[in-house]
C-alpha cells in the first residue's frame, strides 16, 4: 500500500514560470512608462518655449530692439521658472537637461530660442506642436542663421524662402541625433 504524502510548496518549474511572467510584465510596464515620461517632458519643453516667448513679450513690450536679450536677462527678469534654472552654472535647462539659450538675431529686430539635447522621440512631438504655433523653427545646429547640417521645418512667408511644415522632413531631421540629442531653434513670427 502506497502512502500519499501531503505536497507542500511549488516546483522549480512553477517558480521559474512565475518569475518569467513577472519579468515580462515589468518590461512592458517600463516601456509604457518611458513613452509617457518622454511625452510629458516634450509637452513641458514646448510649454517652456511659450513661457519664454510670453515673458519676453511682457518684458520688452513694444520695444523694437532685442539687442540686449540673452539668457541672463531671462533669469534676472524672472521669466525662467525655478525648475528651469541651473544655479551651479547660472544657465537655463530644458526638461531633458539640455541648455536653453536666447539671443537676438543680429540687428535686434527678432530673437531666437535654442533648445539643445532634445531626444528624437521628443523632437518629433515638439515639432508637431510648434508647427501649429506662431514659431518658425529648424532642427539641428545652434543658431538660426548660417548653420550647416540644419533642416528648416517651418519658415513663414516673411522670409525669402518660405517652407511649409512637412512631417517627413521633421522626422528625418529629428533622427540626426548623434547620442546627445538634437537642437531645435525657434523664432517668433509675430511679436
C-alpha atoms as a PDB file:
ATOM      1  CA  UNK A   1       0.000   0.000   0.000  1.00  0.00           C
ATOM      2  CA  UNK A   2       1.263   3.447  -1.001  1.00  0.00           C
ATOM      3  CA  UNK A   3       1.443   6.238   1.467  1.00  0.00           C
ATOM      4  CA  UNK A   4       0.404   9.545  -0.040  1.00  0.00           C
ATOM      5  CA  UNK A   5       2.450  12.446   1.103  1.00  0.00           C
ATOM      6  CA  UNK A   6       0.974  15.829   1.537  1.00  0.00           C
ATOM      7  CA  UNK A   7       2.598  18.048  -1.147  1.00  0.00           C
ATOM      8  CA  UNK A   8       3.691  21.443   0.075  1.00  0.00           C
ATOM      9  CA  UNK A   9       5.286  24.271  -1.918  1.00  0.00           C
ATOM     10  CA  UNK A  10       5.892  24.788  -5.595  1.00  0.00           C
ATOM     11  CA  UNK A  11       8.148  23.016  -8.025  1.00  0.00           C
ATOM     12  CA  UNK A  12      11.144  24.775  -9.523  1.00  0.00           C
ATOM     13  CA  UNK A  13       9.415  24.939 -12.908  1.00  0.00           C
ATOM     14  CA  UNK A  14       6.387  26.680 -11.415  1.00  0.00           C
ATOM     15  CA  UNK A  15       8.567  29.239  -9.656  1.00  0.00           C
ATOM     16  CA  UNK A  16      10.550  29.929 -12.862  1.00  0.00           C
ATOM     17  CA  UNK A  17       7.323  30.439 -14.816  1.00  0.00           C
ATOM     18  CA  UNK A  18       6.043  32.973 -12.291  1.00  0.00           C
ATOM     19  CA  UNK A  19       9.375  34.832 -12.260  1.00  0.00           C
ATOM     20  CA  UNK A  20       9.352  34.867 -16.088  1.00  0.00           C
ATOM     21  CA  UNK A  21       5.855  36.320 -16.219  1.00  0.00           C
ATOM     22  CA  UNK A  22       6.761  38.988 -13.684  1.00  0.00           C
ATOM     23  CA  UNK A  23       9.872  39.914 -15.718  1.00  0.00           C
ATOM     24  CA  UNK A  24       7.847  40.222 -18.947  1.00  0.00           C
ATOM     25  CA  UNK A  25       5.220  42.347 -17.224  1.00  0.00           C
ATOM     26  CA  UNK A  26       7.939  44.606 -15.783  1.00  0.00           C
ATOM     27  CA  UNK A  27       9.498  45.137 -19.208  1.00  0.00           C
ATOM     28  CA  UNK A  28       6.104  46.047 -20.681  1.00  0.00           C
ATOM     29  CA  UNK A  29       5.318  48.450 -17.879  1.00  0.00           C
ATOM     30  CA  UNK A  30       8.727  50.117 -18.208  1.00  0.00           C
ATOM     31  CA  UNK A  31       8.293  50.582 -21.980  1.00  0.00           C
ATOM     32  CA  UNK A  32       4.911  52.238 -21.475  1.00  0.00           C
ATOM     33  CA  UNK A  33       6.236  54.383 -18.626  1.00  0.00           C
ATOM     34  CA  UNK A  34       9.199  55.540 -20.751  1.00  0.00           C
ATOM     35  CA  UNK A  35       6.898  56.681 -23.592  1.00  0.00           C
ATOM     36  CA  UNK A  36       4.613  58.538 -21.208  1.00  0.00           C
ATOM     37  CA  UNK A  37       7.591  60.148 -19.483  1.00  0.00           C
ATOM     38  CA  UNK A  38       9.094  61.374 -22.784  1.00  0.00           C
ATOM     39  CA  UNK A  39       5.693  62.683 -23.922  1.00  0.00           C
ATOM     40  CA  UNK A  40       5.320  64.596 -20.662  1.00  0.00           C
ATOM     41  CA  UNK A  41       8.810  66.110 -20.993  1.00  0.00           C
ATOM     42  CA  UNK A  42       8.148  67.025 -24.638  1.00  0.00           C
ATOM     43  CA  UNK A  43       4.935  68.776 -23.640  1.00  0.00           C
ATOM     44  CA  UNK A  44       6.764  70.578 -20.832  1.00  0.00           C
ATOM     45  CA  UNK A  45       9.509  71.630 -23.263  1.00  0.00           C
ATOM     46  CA  UNK A  46       7.029  73.262 -25.639  1.00  0.00           C
ATOM     47  CA  UNK A  47       5.366  74.944 -22.666  1.00  0.00           C
ATOM     48  CA  UNK A  48       8.793  76.395 -21.850  1.00  0.00           C
ATOM     49  CA  UNK A  49       9.082  77.780 -25.405  1.00  0.00           C
ATOM     50  CA  UNK A  50       5.721  79.514 -24.969  1.00  0.00           C
ATOM     51  CA  UNK A  51       6.589  80.688 -21.446  1.00  0.00           C
ATOM     52  CA  UNK A  52       9.816  82.267 -22.685  1.00  0.00           C
ATOM     53  CA  UNK A  53       8.021  83.904 -25.617  1.00  0.00           C
ATOM     54  CA  UNK A  54       5.299  85.389 -23.373  1.00  0.00           C
ATOM     55  CA  UNK A  55       7.870  86.504 -20.805  1.00  0.00           C
ATOM     56  CA  UNK A  56       9.984  88.272 -23.423  1.00  0.00           C
ATOM     57  CA  UNK A  57       6.856  89.908 -24.869  1.00  0.00           C
ATOM     58  CA  UNK A  58       5.923  91.252 -21.436  1.00  0.00           C
ATOM     59  CA  UNK A  59       9.476  92.301 -20.578  1.00  0.00           C
ATOM     60  CA  UNK A  60      10.192  94.081 -23.856  1.00  0.00           C
ATOM     61  CA  UNK A  61       6.634  95.263 -24.573  1.00  0.00           C
ATOM     62  CA  UNK A  62       6.557  97.363 -27.727  1.00  0.00           C
ATOM     63  CA  UNK A  63      10.336  97.630 -27.931  1.00  0.00           C
ATOM     64  CA  UNK A  64      11.711  97.435 -31.433  1.00  0.00           C
ATOM     65  CA  UNK A  65      15.079  96.065 -30.362  1.00  0.00           C
ATOM     66  CA  UNK A  66      16.083  92.817 -28.690  1.00  0.00           C
ATOM     67  CA  UNK A  67      19.806  93.571 -28.887  1.00  0.00           C
ATOM     68  CA  UNK A  68      20.232  93.267 -25.107  1.00  0.00           C
ATOM     69  CA  UNK A  69      18.347  89.966 -24.899  1.00  0.00           C
ATOM     70  CA  UNK A  70      20.254  86.949 -23.594  1.00  0.00           C
ATOM     71  CA  UNK A  71      19.876  84.097 -21.142  1.00  0.00           C
ATOM     72  CA  UNK A  72      20.909  86.261 -18.163  1.00  0.00           C
ATOM     73  CA  UNK A  73      18.051  88.667 -18.910  1.00  0.00           C
ATOM     74  CA  UNK A  74      15.578  85.785 -18.648  1.00  0.00           C
ATOM     75  CA  UNK A  75      16.989  84.732 -15.298  1.00  0.00           C
ATOM     76  CA  UNK A  76      17.183  88.225 -13.784  1.00  0.00           C
ATOM     77  CA  UNK A  77      13.801  89.171 -15.278  1.00  0.00           C
ATOM     78  CA  UNK A  78      12.296  86.103 -13.603  1.00  0.00           C
ATOM     79  CA  UNK A  79      10.984  84.774 -16.909  1.00  0.00           C
ATOM     80  CA  UNK A  80      12.633  81.411 -16.385  1.00  0.00           C
ATOM     81  CA  UNK A  81      10.935  79.397 -13.656  1.00  0.00           C
ATOM     82  CA  UNK A  82      12.990  77.904 -10.824  1.00  0.00           C
ATOM     83  CA  UNK A  83      12.795  74.393 -12.308  1.00  0.00           C
ATOM     84  CA  UNK A  84      14.452  75.742 -15.476  1.00  0.00           C
ATOM     85  CA  UNK A  85      17.444  77.389 -13.788  1.00  0.00           C
ATOM     86  CA  UNK A  86      20.665  75.503 -13.106  1.00  0.00           C
ATOM     87  CA  UNK A  87      22.033  77.536 -10.205  1.00  0.00           C
ATOM     88  CA  UNK A  88      25.511  75.967 -10.434  1.00  0.00           C
ATOM     89  CA  UNK A  89      26.106  77.234 -13.969  1.00  0.00           C
ATOM     90  CA  UNK A  90      23.612  80.136 -13.961  1.00  0.00           C
ATOM     91  CA  UNK A  91      22.057  78.714 -17.111  1.00  0.00           C
ATOM     92  CA  UNK A  92      18.600  77.661 -18.224  1.00  0.00           C
ATOM     93  CA  UNK A  93      17.918  73.989 -18.968  1.00  0.00           C
ATOM     94  CA  UNK A  94      15.053  72.143 -20.610  1.00  0.00           C
ATOM     95  CA  UNK A  95      13.324  69.079 -19.089  1.00  0.00           C
ATOM     96  CA  UNK A  96      15.815  66.791 -20.872  1.00  0.00           C
ATOM     97  CA  UNK A  97      18.785  68.560 -19.261  1.00  0.00           C
ATOM     98  CA  UNK A  98      19.949  70.371 -22.416  1.00  0.00           C
ATOM     99  CA  UNK A  99      20.778  74.065 -22.445  1.00  0.00           C
ATOM    100  CA  UNK A 100      18.310  76.747 -23.461  1.00  0.00           C
ATOM    101  CA  UNK A 101      19.903  79.847 -24.950  1.00  0.00           C
ATOM    102  CA  UNK A 102      18.254  83.061 -26.069  1.00  0.00           C
ATOM    103  CA  UNK A 103      19.806  85.730 -28.237  1.00  0.00           C
ATOM    104  CA  UNK A 104      18.905  88.424 -30.717  1.00  0.00           C
ATOM    105  CA  UNK A 105      19.269  87.736 -34.439  1.00  0.00           C
ATOM    106  CA  UNK A 106      21.845  90.401 -35.212  1.00  0.00           C
ATOM    107  CA  UNK A 107      20.014  93.635 -35.911  1.00  0.00           C
ATOM    108  CA  UNK A 108      17.982  93.272 -32.709  1.00  0.00           C
ATOM    109  CA  UNK A 109      14.714  93.036 -34.641  1.00  0.00           C
ATOM    110  CA  UNK A 110      13.950  89.480 -33.583  1.00  0.00           C
ATOM    111  CA  UNK A 111      15.369  86.755 -31.355  1.00  0.00           C
ATOM    112  CA  UNK A 112      15.934  83.023 -31.273  1.00  0.00           C
ATOM    113  CA  UNK A 113      15.279  80.423 -28.591  1.00  0.00           C
ATOM    114  CA  UNK A 114      17.590  77.405 -28.855  1.00  0.00           C
ATOM    115  CA  UNK A 115      16.808  74.137 -27.065  1.00  0.00           C
ATOM    116  CA  UNK A 116      19.695  71.669 -27.075  1.00  0.00           C
ATOM    117  CA  UNK A 117      19.783  67.973 -26.190  1.00  0.00           C
ATOM    118  CA  UNK A 118      16.285  67.049 -27.372  1.00  0.00           C
ATOM    119  CA  UNK A 119      15.827  63.276 -27.896  1.00  0.00           C
ATOM    120  CA  UNK A 120      14.479  62.053 -31.235  1.00  0.00           C
ATOM    121  CA  UNK A 121      11.034  60.992 -29.964  1.00  0.00           C
ATOM    122  CA  UNK A 122      10.528  64.277 -28.159  1.00  0.00           C
ATOM    123  CA  UNK A 123      11.816  66.295 -31.135  1.00  0.00           C
ATOM    124  CA  UNK A 124       9.019  64.935 -33.317  1.00  0.00           C
ATOM    125  CA  UNK A 125       6.358  65.690 -30.680  1.00  0.00           C
ATOM    126  CA  UNK A 126       7.687  69.211 -30.032  1.00  0.00           C
ATOM    127  CA  UNK A 127       7.970  69.861 -33.769  1.00  0.00           C
ATOM    128  CA  UNK A 128       4.378  68.812 -34.369  1.00  0.00           C
ATOM    129  CA  UNK A 129       3.222  71.211 -31.636  1.00  0.00           C
ATOM    130  CA  UNK A 130       5.424  74.009 -32.981  1.00  0.00           C
ATOM    131  CA  UNK A 131       4.013  73.570 -36.486  1.00  0.00           C
ATOM    132  CA  UNK A 132       0.641  74.780 -35.275  1.00  0.00           C
ATOM    133  CA  UNK A 133       2.102  77.710 -33.352  1.00  0.00           C
ATOM    134  CA  UNK A 134       3.451  81.167 -34.062  1.00  0.00           C
ATOM    135  CA  UNK A 135       7.025  79.886 -34.226  1.00  0.00           C
ATOM    136  CA  UNK A 136       9.223  79.216 -37.200  1.00  0.00           C
ATOM    137  CA  UNK A 137      11.751  76.530 -36.380  1.00  0.00           C
ATOM    138  CA  UNK A 138      14.697  74.490 -37.556  1.00  0.00           C
ATOM    139  CA  UNK A 139      16.156  71.254 -36.269  1.00  0.00           C
ATOM    140  CA  UNK A 140      19.919  70.880 -35.933  1.00  0.00           C
ATOM    141  CA  UNK A 141      22.668  73.433 -35.369  1.00  0.00           C
ATOM    142  CA  UNK A 142      22.687  76.011 -32.608  1.00  0.00           C
ATOM    143  CA  UNK A 143      21.751  79.232 -34.381  1.00  0.00           C
ATOM    144  CA  UNK A 144      19.109  80.432 -36.815  1.00  0.00           C
ATOM    145  CA  UNK A 145      21.429  81.893 -39.424  1.00  0.00           C
ATOM    146  CA  UNK A 146      24.330  80.285 -41.232  1.00  0.00           C
ATOM    147  CA  UNK A 147      24.420  76.823 -39.756  1.00  0.00           C
ATOM    148  CA  UNK A 148      25.084  73.783 -41.833  1.00  0.00           C
ATOM    149  CA  UNK A 149      23.513  70.463 -41.026  1.00  0.00           C
ATOM    150  CA  UNK A 150      20.205  72.051 -40.075  1.00  0.00           C
ATOM    151  CA  UNK A 151      16.830  71.435 -41.634  1.00  0.00           C
ATOM    152  CA  UNK A 152      14.217  74.162 -41.965  1.00  0.00           C
ATOM    153  CA  UNK A 153      10.967  72.633 -40.764  1.00  0.00           C
ATOM    154  CA  UNK A 154       8.598  75.602 -40.816  1.00  0.00           C
ATOM    155  CA  UNK A 155       9.509  79.008 -42.200  1.00  0.00           C
ATOM    156  CA  UNK A 156       6.797  81.627 -42.666  1.00  0.00           C
ATOM    157  CA  UNK A 157       6.343  83.769 -45.713  1.00  0.00           C
ATOM    158  CA  UNK A 158       8.098  86.732 -44.049  1.00  0.00           C
ATOM    159  CA  UNK A 159      11.429  85.179 -45.065  1.00  0.00           C
ATOM    160  CA  UNK A 160      12.915  84.988 -48.535  1.00  0.00           C
ATOM    161  CA  UNK A 161      12.469  81.198 -48.741  1.00  0.00           C
ATOM    162  CA  UNK A 162       9.201  80.090 -47.123  1.00  0.00           C
ATOM    163  CA  UNK A 163       8.944  76.425 -46.135  1.00  0.00           C
ATOM    164  CA  UNK A 164       5.716  74.688 -45.229  1.00  0.00           C
ATOM    165  CA  UNK A 165       5.585  72.127 -42.440  1.00  0.00           C
ATOM    166  CA  UNK A 166       6.364  68.577 -43.543  1.00  0.00           C
ATOM    167  CA  UNK A 167       6.235  65.676 -41.074  1.00  0.00           C
ATOM    168  CA  UNK A 168       8.660  63.575 -43.117  1.00  0.00           C
ATOM    169  CA  UNK A 169      11.248  66.354 -43.102  1.00  0.00           C
ATOM    170  CA  UNK A 170      10.691  66.778 -39.352  1.00  0.00           C
ATOM    171  CA  UNK A 171      11.170  63.062 -38.625  1.00  0.00           C
ATOM    172  CA  UNK A 172      14.294  62.900 -40.807  1.00  0.00           C
ATOM    173  CA  UNK A 173      15.815  65.959 -39.129  1.00  0.00           C
ATOM    174  CA  UNK A 174      14.997  64.662 -35.646  1.00  0.00           C
ATOM    175  CA  UNK A 175      16.719  61.365 -36.470  1.00  0.00           C
ATOM    176  CA  UNK A 176      20.056  63.198 -36.900  1.00  0.00           C
ATOM    177  CA  UNK A 177      20.573  62.592 -33.183  1.00  0.00           C
ATOM    178  CA  UNK A 178      24.223  61.727 -32.511  1.00  0.00           C
ATOM    179  CA  UNK A 179      23.598  60.471 -28.992  1.00  0.00           C
ATOM    180  CA  UNK A 180      23.388  63.867 -27.275  1.00  0.00           C
ATOM    181  CA  UNK A 181      20.047  64.837 -28.780  1.00  0.00           C
ATOM    182  CA  UNK A 182      19.327  67.445 -31.424  1.00  0.00           C
ATOM    183  CA  UNK A 183      18.957  71.192 -31.144  1.00  0.00           C
ATOM    184  CA  UNK A 184      15.727  72.956 -32.012  1.00  0.00           C
ATOM    185  CA  UNK A 185      15.787  76.661 -32.858  1.00  0.00           C
ATOM    186  CA  UNK A 186      12.592  78.726 -32.613  1.00  0.00           C
ATOM    187  CA  UNK A 187      11.916  82.285 -33.687  1.00  0.00           C
ATOM    188  CA  UNK A 188       8.565  84.020 -33.171  1.00  0.00           C
ATOM    189  CA  UNK A 189       6.775  85.088 -36.340  1.00  0.00           C
ATOM    190  CA  UNK A 190       4.842  87.791 -34.502  1.00  0.00           C
ATOM    191  CA  UNK A 191       5.889  89.963 -31.592  1.00  0.00           C
END
